Amino acid sequence: MRYLHTMVRVADLETAMQFWCGILGLRELRRRSSTEGRFTLVYLAAPADLEAARQNHAPILELTWNWDPETYGGGRNFGHLAFEVEDIYQTCARLAAAGVTINRPPRDGYMAFIRSPDGISVELLQAGDRRPPQEPWASLPNSGSW
């Protein structure tokens, strides 16, 4: 398993970038916008981690700006921690066997979500190419929030 990123939602991207980059000193690695999803993702790294982060060898901060205004209460602005795993299905099976609820099963062979005992959302991402859909995962519904 490899730690990838922490995601936080921001209400105003320009203000957030001024804080995270202008004041705190993080550097922008890349950004992606989705017209269909109506969001922009901006990935940041600490200056000392910049080169390693460009090669996916250091964790980064993901800022998520949803274009439609939303008030974030109750910690909703904090998104999730993300980890890359060698085999998404094997990892989810091991976690489920240990009593962990798979809130968002890896139906797509690529992504799953679980929660820590304290309610922290954890994203699991398949390393490399997504796996072909596989039962029982392909047919499982979401459970709770993720």
C-alpha atoms as a PDB file:
ATOM      1  CA  MET A   1       0.000   0.000   0.000  1.00  0.00           C
ATOM      2  CA  ARG A   2       1.181   3.535  -0.786  1.00  0.00           C
ATOM      3  CA  TYR A   3      -0.207   6.790   0.645  1.00  0.00           C
ATOM      4  CA  LEU A   4      -1.298   9.041  -2.232  1.00  0.00           C
ATOM      5  CA  HIS A   5      -3.111  12.189  -1.135  1.00  0.00           C
ATOM      6  CA  THR A   6      -5.425  14.004   1.200  1.00  0.00           C
ATOM      7  CA  MET A   7      -8.424  15.797  -0.326  1.00  0.00           C
ATOM      8  CA  VAL A   8     -10.088  18.914   1.036  1.00  0.00           C
ATOM      9  CA  ARG A   9     -12.992  20.812  -0.507  1.00  0.00           C
ATOM     10  CA  VAL A  10     -12.610  24.543  -0.928  1.00  0.00           C
ATOM     11  CA  ALA A  11     -15.353  27.160  -1.268  1.00  0.00           C
ATOM     12  CA  ASP A  12     -13.302  29.603  -3.363  1.00  0.00           C
ATOM     13  CA  LEU A  13     -10.434  28.254  -5.461  1.00  0.00           C
ATOM     14  CA  GLU A  14      -8.649  31.591  -5.870  1.00  0.00           C
ATOM     15  CA  THR A  15      -8.689  32.254  -2.119  1.00  0.00           C
ATOM     16  CA  ALA A  16      -7.573  28.680  -1.401  1.00  0.00           C
ATOM     17  CA  MET A  17      -4.700  28.901  -3.888  1.00  0.00           C
ATOM     18  CA  GLN A  18      -3.590  32.185  -2.345  1.00  0.00           C
ATOM     19  CA  PHE A  19      -3.456  30.490   1.066  1.00  0.00           C
ATOM     20  CA  TRP A  20      -1.971  27.100   0.122  1.00  0.00           C
ATOM     21  CA  CYS A  21       0.503  28.378  -2.498  1.00  0.00           C
ATOM     22  CA  GLY A  22       0.894  32.127  -1.964  1.00  0.00           C
ATOM     23  CA  ILE A  23       1.138  32.094   1.815  1.00  0.00           C
ATOM     24  CA  LEU A  24       1.977  28.517   2.842  1.00  0.00           C
ATOM     25  CA  GLY A  25       4.297  27.932  -0.102  1.00  0.00           C
ATOM     26  CA  LEU A  26       2.964  24.725  -1.661  1.00  0.00           C
ATOM     27  CA  ARG A  27       3.454  24.297  -5.420  1.00  0.00           C
ATOM     28  CA  GLU A  28       0.859  23.310  -7.996  1.00  0.00           C
ATOM     29  CA  LEU A  29       1.608  19.983  -9.683  1.00  0.00           C
ATOM     30  CA  ARG A  30      -1.401  19.697 -11.966  1.00  0.00           C
ATOM     31  CA  ARG A  31      -5.077  20.478 -12.252  1.00  0.00           C
ATOM     32  CA  ARG A  32      -8.080  18.906 -13.894  1.00  0.00           C
ATOM     33  CA  SER A  33     -11.514  20.365 -14.513  1.00  0.00           C
ATOM     34  CA  SER A  34     -14.698  18.507 -15.378  1.00  0.00           C
ATOM     35  CA  THR A  35     -17.465  20.460 -17.090  1.00  0.00           C
ATOM     36  CA  GLU A  36     -19.770  17.452 -16.745  1.00  0.00           C
ATOM     37  CA  GLY A  37     -19.005  17.009 -13.031  1.00  0.00           C
ATOM     38  CA  ARG A  38     -18.764  20.776 -12.442  1.00  0.00           C
ATOM     39  CA  PHE A  39     -15.574  20.635 -10.402  1.00  0.00           C
ATOM     40  CA  THR A  40     -11.880  21.460 -10.546  1.00  0.00           C
ATOM     41  CA  LEU A  41      -9.158  19.411  -8.845  1.00  0.00           C
ATOM     42  CA  VAL A  42      -5.802  21.031  -8.060  1.00  0.00           C
ATOM     43  CA  TYR A  43      -2.934  18.895  -6.781  1.00  0.00           C
ATOM     44  CA  LEU A  44      -0.279  20.544  -4.611  1.00  0.00           C
ATOM     45  CA  ALA A  45       3.025  19.453  -3.098  1.00  0.00           C
ATOM     46  CA  ALA A  46       5.430  20.872  -0.566  1.00  0.00           C
ATOM     47  CA  PRO A  47       8.502  22.398  -2.216  1.00  0.00           C
ATOM     48  CA  ALA A  48      10.846  19.736  -0.786  1.00  0.00           C
ATOM     49  CA  ASP A  49       8.524  16.999  -2.120  1.00  0.00           C
ATOM     50  CA  LEU A  50       7.921  18.519  -5.561  1.00  0.00           C
ATOM     51  CA  GLU A  51      10.191  16.307  -7.654  1.00  0.00           C
ATOM     52  CA  ALA A  52       9.232  13.140  -5.778  1.00  0.00           C
ATOM     53  CA  ALA A  53       5.531  14.057  -6.097  1.00  0.00           C
ATOM     54  CA  ARG A  54       5.918  14.522  -9.873  1.00  0.00           C
ATOM     55  CA  GLN A  55       7.064  10.893  -9.989  1.00  0.00           C
ATOM     56  CA  ASN A  56       4.286   9.762  -7.595  1.00  0.00           C
ATOM     57  CA  HIS A  57       6.797   9.132  -4.806  1.00  0.00           C
ATOM     58  CA  ALA A  58       5.439  11.644  -2.279  1.00  0.00           C
ATOM     59  CA  PRO A  59       1.938  12.325  -0.947  1.00  0.00           C
ATOM     60  CA  ILE A  60       0.138  15.423  -2.180  1.00  0.00           C
ATOM     61  CA  LEU A  61      -2.774  17.664  -1.253  1.00  0.00           C
ATOM     62  CA  GLU A  62      -5.824  17.633  -3.539  1.00  0.00           C
ATOM     63  CA  LEU A  63      -8.004  20.737  -3.472  1.00  0.00           C
ATOM     64  CA  THR A  64     -11.512  20.047  -4.788  1.00  0.00           C
ATOM     65  CA  TRP A  65     -13.522  23.062  -5.871  1.00  0.00           C
ATOM     66  CA  ASN A  66     -17.149  22.284  -6.694  1.00  0.00           C
ATOM     67  CA  TRP A  67     -18.405  24.991  -9.044  1.00  0.00           C
ATOM     68  CA  ASP A  68     -21.878  25.086  -7.528  1.00  0.00           C
ATOM     69  CA  PRO A  69     -21.811  26.902  -4.174  1.00  0.00           C
ATOM     70  CA  GLU A  70     -22.112  24.662  -1.150  1.00  0.00           C
ATOM     71  CA  THR A  71     -21.740  25.321   2.568  1.00  0.00           C
ATOM     72  CA  TYR A  72     -19.431  22.760   4.139  1.00  0.00           C
ATOM     73  CA  GLY A  73     -20.410  21.943   7.701  1.00  0.00           C
ATOM     74  CA  GLY A  74     -19.534  19.128  10.040  1.00  0.00           C
ATOM     75  CA  GLY A  75     -16.143  18.489   8.492  1.00  0.00           C
ATOM     76  CA  ARG A  76     -17.531  17.956   4.975  1.00  0.00           C
ATOM     77  CA  ASN A  77     -14.751  20.142   3.584  1.00  0.00           C
ATOM     78  CA  PHE A  78     -12.319  17.371   4.521  1.00  0.00           C
ATOM     79  CA  GLY A  79     -12.660  14.732   1.849  1.00  0.00           C
ATOM     80  CA  HIS A  80     -10.581  11.614   2.274  1.00  0.00           C
ATOM     81  CA  LEU A  81      -7.185   9.986   2.529  1.00  0.00           C
ATOM     82  CA  ALA A  82      -6.160   7.969  -0.541  1.00  0.00           C
ATOM     83  CA  PHE A  83      -3.999   4.854  -0.753  1.00  0.00           C
ATOM     84  CA  GLU A  84      -2.873   2.900  -3.790  1.00  0.00           C
ATOM     85  CA  VAL A  85      -3.168  -0.893  -3.429  1.00  0.00           C
ATOM     86  CA  GLU A  86      -1.744  -3.750  -5.473  1.00  0.00           C
ATOM     87  CA  ASP A  87      -5.035  -5.653  -5.803  1.00  0.00           C
ATOM     88  CA  ILE A  88      -8.256  -3.759  -5.084  1.00  0.00           C
ATOM     89  CA  TYR A  89     -10.359  -6.930  -4.855  1.00  0.00           C
ATOM     90  CA  GLN A  90      -7.958  -8.776  -2.561  1.00  0.00           C
ATOM     91  CA  THR A  91      -7.601  -5.719  -0.338  1.00  0.00           C
ATOM     92  CA  CYS A  92     -11.375  -5.248  -0.047  1.00  0.00           C
ATOM     93  CA  ALA A  93     -11.889  -8.954   0.665  1.00  0.00           C
ATOM     94  CA  ARG A  94      -9.282  -8.812   3.454  1.00  0.00           C
ATOM     95  CA  LEU A  95     -10.861  -5.685   4.944  1.00  0.00           C
ATOM     96  CA  ALA A  96     -14.388  -7.122   4.745  1.00  0.00           C
ATOM     97  CA  ALA A  97     -13.198 -10.323   6.439  1.00  0.00           C
ATOM     98  CA  ALA A  98     -11.861  -8.143   9.263  1.00  0.00           C
ATOM     99  CA  GLY A  99     -15.289  -6.558   9.701  1.00  0.00           C
ATOM    100  CA  VAL A 100     -14.710  -3.343   7.736  1.00  0.00           C
ATOM    101  CA  THR A 101     -17.728  -2.107   5.752  1.00  0.00           C
ATOM    102  CA  ILE A 102     -16.894  -1.434   2.111  1.00  0.00           C
ATOM    103  CA  ASN A 103     -18.986   1.735   1.702  1.00  0.00           C
ATOM    104  CA  ARG A 104     -18.292   2.085  -2.016  1.00  0.00           C
ATOM    105  CA  PRO A 105     -17.366  -1.349  -3.439  1.00  0.00           C
ATOM    106  CA  PRO A 106     -14.820  -1.541  -6.293  1.00  0.00           C
ATOM    107  CA  ARG A 107     -17.466  -2.190  -8.951  1.00  0.00           C
ATOM    108  CA  ASP A 108     -15.250  -0.541 -11.549  1.00  0.00           C
ATOM    109  CA  GLY A 109     -12.152  -2.551 -10.622  1.00  0.00           C
ATOM    110  CA  TYR A 110     -10.400   0.663  -9.672  1.00  0.00           C
ATOM    111  CA  MET A 111     -11.833   2.529  -6.686  1.00  0.00           C
ATOM    112  CA  ALA A 112     -13.353   1.690  -3.309  1.00  0.00           C
ATOM    113  CA  PHE A 113     -14.139   3.678  -0.155  1.00  0.00           C
ATOM    114  CA  ILE A 114     -14.149   2.628   3.488  1.00  0.00           C
ATOM    115  CA  ARG A 115     -14.296   4.550   6.771  1.00  0.00           C
ATOM    116  CA  SER A 116     -11.991   4.399   9.763  1.00  0.00           C
ATOM    117  CA  PRO A 117     -13.489   3.662  13.199  1.00  0.00           C
ATOM    118  CA  ASP A 118     -13.519   7.456  13.699  1.00  0.00           C
ATOM    119  CA  GLY A 119     -15.439   8.068  10.467  1.00  0.00           C
ATOM    120  CA  ILE A 120     -12.528   9.231   8.312  1.00  0.00           C
ATOM    121  CA  SER A 121     -13.184   8.437   4.653  1.00  0.00           C
ATOM    122  CA  VAL A 122     -10.433   6.341   3.032  1.00  0.00           C
ATOM    123  CA  GLU A 123     -10.190   5.895  -0.744  1.00  0.00           C
ATOM    124  CA  LEU A 124      -8.485   2.780  -2.105  1.00  0.00           C
ATOM    125  CA  LEU A 125      -7.220   2.980  -5.693  1.00  0.00           C
ATOM    126  CA  GLN A 126      -5.988   0.104  -7.843  1.00  0.00           C
ATOM    127  CA  ALA A 127      -2.319   0.447  -8.804  1.00  0.00           C
ATOM    128  CA  GLY A 128      -1.847   0.483 -12.567  1.00  0.00           C
ATOM    129  CA  ASP A 129      -4.727  -0.439 -14.844  1.00  0.00           C
ATOM    130  CA  ARG A 130      -8.199  -1.025 -13.478  1.00  0.00           C
ATOM    131  CA  ARG A 131      -9.142  -4.676 -13.021  1.00  0.00           C
ATOM    132  CA  PRO A 132     -11.992  -6.268 -14.984  1.00  0.00           C
ATOM    133  CA  PRO A 133     -15.301  -6.173 -13.077  1.00  0.00           C
ATOM    134  CA  GLN A 134     -15.512  -9.092 -10.674  1.00  0.00           C
ATOM    135  CA  GLU A 135     -18.231 -10.542  -8.462  1.00  0.00           C
ATOM    136  CA  PRO A 136     -19.304 -10.119  -5.792  1.00  0.00           C
ATOM    137  CA  TRP A 137     -17.987  -6.546  -6.066  1.00  0.00           C
ATOM    138  CA  ALA A 138     -19.594  -5.681  -9.405  1.00  0.00           C
ATOM    139  CA  SER A 139     -23.093  -6.205  -7.986  1.00  0.00           C
ATOM    140  CA  LEU A 140     -22.719  -4.738  -4.493  1.00  0.00           C
ATOM    141  CA  PRO A 141     -24.503  -1.447  -3.728  1.00  0.00           C
ATOM    142  CA  ASN A 142     -23.023   1.455  -1.813  1.00  0.00           C
ATOM    143  CA  SER A 143     -23.426   1.331   1.960  1.00  0.00           C
ATOM    144  CA  GLY A 144     -23.762   4.491   4.013  1.00  0.00           C
ATOM    145  CA  SER A 145     -21.761   7.560   3.064  1.00  0.00           C
ATOM    146  CA  TRP A 146     -18.238   7.554   1.787  1.00  0.00           C
END
